[in-house]
Protein backbone atom coordinates (compact mmCIF):
# COMPACT_ATOMS: atom_id res chain seq x y z
CA UNK A 1 -0.19 -0.33 -0.10
CA UNK A 2 1.28 3.17 -0.47
CA UNK A 3 2.41 5.18 2.18
CA UNK A 4 0.22 8.40 1.18
CA UNK A 5 -3.00 6.54 1.68
CA UNK A 6 -2.10 4.44 4.77
CA UNK A 7 -1.18 7.97 6.43
CA UNK A 8 -4.64 9.07 5.46
CA UNK A 9 -6.28 6.18 6.33
CA UNK A 10 -4.44 6.57 9.73
CA UNK A 11 -5.40 9.92 10.62
CA UNK A 12 -9.10 9.72 9.37
CA UNK A 13 -9.78 7.04 12.07
CA UNK A 14 -7.52 9.05 14.65
CA UNK A 15 -9.95 12.00 14.13
CA UNK A 16 -13.15 10.14 14.61
CA UNK A 17 -11.91 8.56 17.22
CA UNK A 18 -10.64 11.71 19.06
CA UNK A 19 -14.01 13.47 17.95
CA UNK A 20 -16.31 10.47 19.82
CA UNK A 21 -13.59 11.34 22.58
CA UNK A 22 -14.27 15.07 23.00
CA UNK A 23 -17.42 14.25 23.18
CA UNK A 24 -17.20 11.56 26.04
CA UNK A 25 -15.34 14.06 27.97
CA UNK A 26 -17.50 17.27 27.29
CA UNK A 27 -20.89 14.88 28.19
CA UNK A 28 -19.81 14.16 31.42
CA UNK A 29 -18.74 17.25 32.63
CA UNK A 30 -22.08 19.13 31.54
CA UNK A 31 -23.60 16.18 33.13
CA UNK A 32 -21.68 16.43 36.25
CA UNK A 33 -22.25 20.13 36.21
CA UNK A 34 -25.70 19.77 36.64
CA UNK A 35 -25.13 18.04 40.40
CA UNK A 36 -25.17 20.48 43.26
CA UNK A 37 -22.03 21.52 44.18
CA UNK A 38 -19.52 24.96 44.23
CA UNK A 39 -18.39 27.16 41.52
CA UNK A 40 -15.25 26.47 42.18
CA UNK A 41 -15.44 22.77 41.69
CA UNK A 42 -17.03 22.99 38.77
CA UNK A 43 -14.15 25.72 37.49
CA UNK A 44 -11.57 22.76 38.46
CA UNK A 45 -13.59 19.98 36.40
CA UNK A 46 -13.68 22.34 33.04
CA UNK A 47 -9.88 23.02 33.90
CA UNK A 48 -9.35 19.70 33.53
CA UNK A 49 -11.11 19.13 30.45
CA UNK A 50 -8.89 21.60 28.73
CA UNK A 51 -5.51 20.33 30.46
CA UNK A 52 -6.13 16.61 28.74
CA UNK A 53 -6.19 18.00 25.18
CA UNK A 54 -3.66 20.76 26.30
CA UNK A 55 -6.01 23.12 25.33
CA UNK A 56 -5.93 25.64 28.26
CA UNK A 57 -2.67 27.79 27.12
CA UNK A 58 -4.63 28.34 23.87
CA UNK A 59 -8.02 28.41 25.16
CA UNK A 60 -7.03 31.26 27.92
CA UNK A 61 -5.51 33.30 24.93
CA UNK A 62 -8.47 33.19 22.87
CA UNK A 63 -10.89 33.81 25.82
CA UNK A 64 -9.42 34.47 29.08
CA UNK A 65 -11.41 33.18 32.29
CA UNK A 66 -12.85 29.88 32.04
CA UNK A 67 -16.86 30.16 31.56
CA UNK A 68 -18.58 26.97 30.79
CA UNK A 69 -20.19 28.46 27.43
CA UNK A 70 -17.23 29.64 25.89
CA UNK A 71 -15.75 26.35 26.93
CA UNK A 72 -18.46 24.00 25.02
CA UNK A 73 -18.23 26.68 22.50
CA UNK A 74 -13.87 25.91 22.08
CA UNK A 75 -14.12 22.28 22.07
CA UNK A 76 -17.34 22.10 19.91
CA UNK A 77 -17.77 24.78 17.37
CA UNK A 78 -14.54 26.77 17.15
CA UNK A 79 -12.76 25.01 14.01
CA UNK A 80 -9.68 27.26 15.04
CA UNK A 81 -9.14 24.99 17.71
CA UNK A 82 -7.88 21.56 16.09
CA UNK A 83 -9.23 19.50 18.36
CA UNK A 84 -12.78 20.85 18.62
CA UNK A 85 -15.58 18.35 17.13
CA UNK A 86 -16.10 20.16 14.14
CA UNK A 87 -12.39 20.23 13.70
CA UNK A 88 -11.91 16.67 14.04
CA UNK A 89 -14.81 15.67 11.87
CA UNK A 90 -13.68 17.91 8.85
CA UNK A 91 -10.43 16.45 8.84
CA UNK A 92 -11.62 12.57 9.10
CA UNK A 93 -13.86 13.84 6.08
CA UNK A 94 -10.80 15.85 3.98
CA UNK A 95 -8.58 12.30 4.74
CA UNK A 96 -11.60 10.03 4.13
CA UNK A 97 -12.17 12.15 0.54
CA UNK A 98 -8.31 11.90 -0.39
CA UNK A 99 -8.77 8.20 -0.53
CA UNK A 100 -12.14 7.85 -1.72
CA UNK A 101 -11.10 4.60 -4.12
CA UNK A 102 -10.09 2.68 -1.23
CA UNK A 103 -13.20 3.01 1.16
CA UNK A 104 -16.45 1.03 0.57
CA UNK A 105 -19.24 3.23 -0.56
CA UNK A 106 -20.34 2.40 3.17
CA UNK A 107 -17.85 4.20 4.52
CA UNK A 108 -17.52 7.15 2.72
CA UNK A 109 -20.73 7.79 2.79
CA UNK A 110 -20.96 7.36 6.89
CA UNK A 111 -18.23 9.59 7.34
CA UNK A 112 -19.85 12.53 4.73
CA UNK A 113 -23.38 12.00 6.07
CA UNK A 114 -21.92 12.91 9.65
CA UNK A 115 -20.02 15.93 8.43
CA UNK A 116 -23.14 17.00 6.41
CA UNK A 117 -25.20 16.57 9.41
CA UNK A 118 -23.34 18.03 12.34
CA UNK A 119 -22.95 21.05 10.08
CA UNK A 120 -26.75 21.32 9.76
CA UNK A 121 -26.83 20.93 13.49
CA UNK A 122 -25.00 23.66 14.66
CA UNK A 123 -26.26 25.73 12.42
CA UNK A 124 -29.83 25.13 13.72
CA UNK A 125 -28.98 25.76 17.31
CA UNK A 126 -29.10 22.14 17.91
CA UNK A 127 -26.36 21.47 20.31
CA UNK A 128 -27.03 24.61 22.64
CA UNK A 129 -30.75 23.67 22.64
CA UNK A 130 -29.77 20.36 24.29
CA UNK A 131 -26.08 19.61 24.46
CA UNK A 132 -26.30 15.79 26.41
CA UNK A 133 -27.67 14.69 23.38
CA UNK A 134 -25.98 16.37 20.67
CA UNK A 135 -23.06 14.80 22.18
CA UNK A 136 -24.93 11.33 21.82
CA UNK A 137 -25.06 11.26 18.54
CA UNK A 138 -21.61 12.27 18.12
CA UNK A 139 -20.73 8.94 19.93
CA UNK A 140 -23.68 7.32 17.92
CA UNK A 141 -21.81 8.29 14.26
CA UNK A 142 -18.25 7.13 16.13
CA UNK A 143 -19.69 3.53 16.66
CA UNK A 144 -21.65 3.78 13.07
CA UNK A 145 -18.32 4.18 11.42
CA UNK A 146 -16.50 1.65 13.10
CA UNK A 147 -19.20 -0.50 12.49
CA UNK A 148 -19.51 0.22 8.79
CA UNK A 149 -15.62 -0.22 8.66
CA UNK A 150 -15.76 -3.81 10.18
CA UNK A 151 -18.18 -4.69 8.57
CA UNK A 152 -18.03 -3.64 4.65
CA UNK A 153 -14.17 -3.06 4.65
CA UNK A 154 -12.41 -6.26 2.78
CA UNK A 155 -9.55 -7.12 5.55
CA UNK A 156 -6.29 -5.89 4.21
CA UNK A 157 -3.53 -3.29 5.28
CA UNK A 158 -6.53 -0.32 4.64
CA UNK A 159 -8.27 -1.93 7.27
CA UNK A 160 -5.40 -2.56 9.22
CA UNK A 161 -3.93 1.19 9.35
CA UNK A 162 -7.42 2.63 10.30
CA UNK A 163 -7.62 0.37 13.08
CA UNK A 164 -4.41 1.18 13.99
CA UNK A 165 -5.21 4.65 14.38
CA UNK A 166 -8.40 4.37 16.51
CA UNK A 167 -6.91 2.16 18.97
CA UNK A 168 -4.00 4.74 19.41
CA UNK A 169 -5.52 7.44 19.74
CA UNK A 170 -8.13 5.69 22.51
CA UNK A 171 -4.91 4.57 24.34
CA UNK A 172 -3.60 8.52 24.42
CA UNK A 173 -7.00 10.41 25.38
CA UNK A 174 -7.53 7.41 28.28
CA UNK A 175 -4.41 8.07 29.81
CA UNK A 176 -5.06 11.78 29.67
CA UNK A 177 -8.44 10.89 31.21
CA UNK A 178 -7.26 9.02 34.39
CA UNK A 179 -4.21 11.36 35.10
CA UNK A 180 -6.12 14.50 34.93
CA UNK A 181 -8.94 13.16 36.76
CA UNK A 182 -7.30 11.05 39.14
CA UNK A 183 -4.64 14.24 39.94
CA UNK A 184 -7.60 16.37 40.41
CA UNK A 185 -9.07 13.96 43.70
CA UNK A 186 -5.76 12.50 44.46
CA UNK A 187 -6.67 12.99 48.56
CA UNK A 188 -9.28 10.24 47.66
CA UNK A 189 -6.22 7.36 47.94
CA UNK A 190 -5.61 8.15 51.62
CA UNK A 191 -9.09 8.16 52.59
CA UNK A 192 -9.61 11.47 54.92
CA UNK A 193 -13.08 12.38 53.20
CA UNK A 194 -15.74 13.19 55.01
CA UNK A 195 -19.39 11.69 54.16
CA UNK A 196 -20.25 14.61 51.95
CA UNK A 197 -17.06 14.48 50.35
CA UNK A 198 -17.86 10.36 49.82
CA UNK A 199 -21.18 11.07 48.24
CA UNK A 200 -19.46 13.31 45.75
CA UNK A 201 -16.73 11.30 45.18
CA UNK A 202 -19.22 8.05 43.85
CA UNK A 203 -20.70 10.70 41.30
CA UNK A 204 -17.25 11.46 40.58
CA UNK A 205 -15.86 8.37 39.87
CA UNK A 206 -19.35 7.48 38.28
CA UNK A 207 -18.54 10.10 35.71
CA UNK A 208 -14.99 8.95 34.95
CA UNK A 209 -16.63 5.72 34.55
CA UNK A 210 -19.37 6.65 32.33
CA UNK A 211 -17.21 8.70 29.79
CA UNK A 212 -15.53 5.32 28.85
CA UNK A 213 -19.00 3.45 28.92
CA UNK A 214 -17.23 1.52 32.17
CA UNK A 215 -19.90 2.21 34.56
CA UNK A 216 -21.73 -1.06 33.69
CA UNK A 217 -18.45 -3.06 33.16
CA UNK A 218 -17.31 -2.32 36.48
CA UNK A 219 -20.25 -3.45 38.41
CA UNK A 220 -19.99 -6.96 36.22
CA UNK A 221 -16.06 -7.28 37.18
CA UNK A 222 -16.04 -6.03 40.16
CA UNK A 223 -19.32 -6.29 42.23
CA UNK A 224 -18.38 -3.77 44.77
CA UNK A 225 -18.75 0.21 45.74
CA UNK A 226 -16.76 2.21 43.19
CA UNK A 227 -12.96 2.49 44.47
CA UNK A 228 -10.36 4.51 42.86
CA UNK A 229 -7.64 1.75 43.07
CA UNK A 230 -9.97 -0.40 40.83
CA UNK A 231 -11.11 2.20 38.49
CA UNK A 232 -7.84 2.55 38.13
CA UNK A 233 -7.39 -1.16 37.55
CA UNK A 234 -10.18 -1.00 34.98
CA UNK A 235 -8.76 1.34 32.97
CA UNK A 236 -5.12 0.36 32.98
CA UNK A 237 -4.77 -3.20 33.14
CA UNK A 238 -7.96 -5.27 32.23
CA UNK A 239 -7.80 -6.79 28.78
CA UNK A 240 -11.42 -6.98 28.60
CA UNK A 241 -12.62 -3.32 29.30
CA UNK A 242 -12.92 -2.14 25.45
CA UNK A 243 -11.52 1.35 26.41
CA UNK A 244 -8.30 0.57 28.59
CA UNK A 245 -4.54 0.93 28.30
CA UNK A 246 -4.16 -2.78 27.76
CA UNK A 247 -7.00 -3.38 25.66
CA UNK A 248 -5.97 -0.48 23.23
CA UNK A 249 -2.45 -1.61 22.79
CA UNK A 250 -3.44 -5.13 22.43
CA UNK A 251 -4.98 -3.84 19.12
CA UNK A 252 -2.03 -1.64 18.02
CA UNK A 253 -0.18 -4.73 18.55
CA UNK A 254 -2.05 -6.79 16.66
CA UNK A 255 -2.71 -4.55 13.40
CA UNK A 256 1.08 -3.29 13.67
CA UNK A 257 1.75 -7.09 13.09
CA UNK A 258 -0.40 -7.72 10.24
CA UNK A 259 1.43 -4.29 7.95
CA UNK A 260 4.70 -5.02 9.43
CA UNK A 261 7.23 -6.45 6.70
CA UNK A 262 9.66 -7.22 9.41
CA UNK A 263 8.29 -8.79 12.52
CA UNK A 264 11.16 -7.29 14.57
CA UNK A 265 11.04 -3.72 12.98
CA UNK A 266 11.60 -1.22 16.04
CA UNK A 267 8.08 0.10 15.48
CA UNK A 268 6.82 -3.70 16.53
CA UNK A 269 8.91 -4.06 19.16
CA UNK A 270 8.21 -0.86 20.98
CA UNK A 271 4.41 -1.73 20.99
CA UNK A 272 5.00 -5.46 21.98
CA UNK A 273 7.36 -4.45 25.00
CA UNK A 274 4.77 -1.12 26.63
CA UNK A 275 1.84 -4.21 26.03
CA UNK A 276 3.66 -6.93 27.68
CA UNK A 277 3.90 -4.34 30.58
CA UNK A 278 0.43 -3.80 30.54
CA UNK A 279 -0.25 -7.44 30.54
CA UNK A 280 2.09 -8.33 33.39
CA UNK A 281 1.87 -5.19 35.26
CA UNK A 282 0.05 -4.78 38.98
CA UNK A 283 -2.14 -1.51 40.23
CA UNK A 284 -0.57 -1.49 43.49
CA UNK A 285 2.99 -1.33 41.89
CA UNK A 286 1.52 0.83 39.65
CA UNK A 287 0.09 3.66 42.54
CA UNK A 288 2.90 2.66 44.81
CA UNK A 289 5.64 4.37 42.43
CA UNK A 290 3.28 7.39 40.86
CA UNK A 291 0.49 6.87 38.97
CA UNK A 292 0.77 10.32 37.39
CA UNK A 293 4.42 9.55 36.93
CA UNK A 294 3.52 6.44 35.12
CA UNK A 295 1.19 7.45 32.72
CA UNK A 296 3.03 10.47 31.86
CA UNK A 297 5.55 8.21 30.74
CA UNK A 298 3.06 5.97 29.02
CA UNK A 299 2.05 8.77 27.17
CA UNK A 300 5.78 9.97 26.24
CA UNK A 301 5.93 6.16 25.16
CA UNK A 302 2.17 6.31 23.11
CA UNK A 303 3.22 9.48 21.53
CA UNK A 304 6.82 8.22 20.79
CA UNK A 305 4.76 4.77 18.93
CA UNK A 306 3.00 7.47 16.92
CA UNK A 307 6.10 9.02 15.45
CA UNK A 308 7.53 5.82 14.79
CA UNK A 309 4.59 4.71 12.61
CA UNK A 310 5.07 7.46 11.06
CA UNK A 311 8.50 6.89 9.97
CA UNK A 312 8.48 3.50 9.00
CA UNK A 313 4.70 3.26 7.60
CA UNK A 314 3.06 6.38 7.04
CA UNK A 315 5.51 9.24 5.46
CA UNK A 316 6.08 8.96 1.75
CA UNK A 317 9.64 7.77 1.02
CA UNK A 318 12.27 10.73 -0.75
CA UNK A 319 12.50 9.55 -4.28
């Protein structure tokens, strides 16, 4: 496969996944903001959301103080923000258009319809009227895109590069989410919360789980009250949790093995090493050495892995 084509397919899937992840985080923050809480607590939540995406400086440069309506607009409609939902869906569609002949009609029509429909919804004010319903729609269109891709695309390199983009983006986002959210409630690990704080924490941890469709999964796996260390274990180490770091890296390694010309390539080796560390890791060891330090290192390695994928498979060779 031409590296230029692989590049478009890889980034098409990354942007689609990024739009969904942004919708998930916005939805959780919006739902949490409806709970009784102080303005200061609510502000921390919205600031954390911008921090997850590394957009706090660019937001403040454009808008100054953090205000809910402006953060929502910045993360949904602002096309000068490359990580906004509109920007991501536009970029996904443009990448798809560039490789229209490689995609099935169903995949192209799904992505194209999503872009046309989101423009209509934004223009008609549907987002402002019911943000929660809009976020659900974005998530649904992402699910639909993945389902149509797996259900109609030939199982060849095109599909593998699309899957690579999806799961590399998912691993990156889940790591950012866990890092920022746990950092915000670090004191929970020391068990000194009052009854009222514990009640708030339940909603907080529930919201984190719901943002990755993990609330029902948590109940099924642990059958117990929500505990921070178990939330961390579920989202980092459980291979059977679809949006966990371990599950995402399993998919990255599997799809890399399908496109690798040489099984001993440096990219494949690095992905395999990171995956094996998740497979044999223990949450108590991770927490003992520091969750923030662990996740920061993980994000560095994911970025490094993305760079190696680009160098080895995606960037057109000179000449």
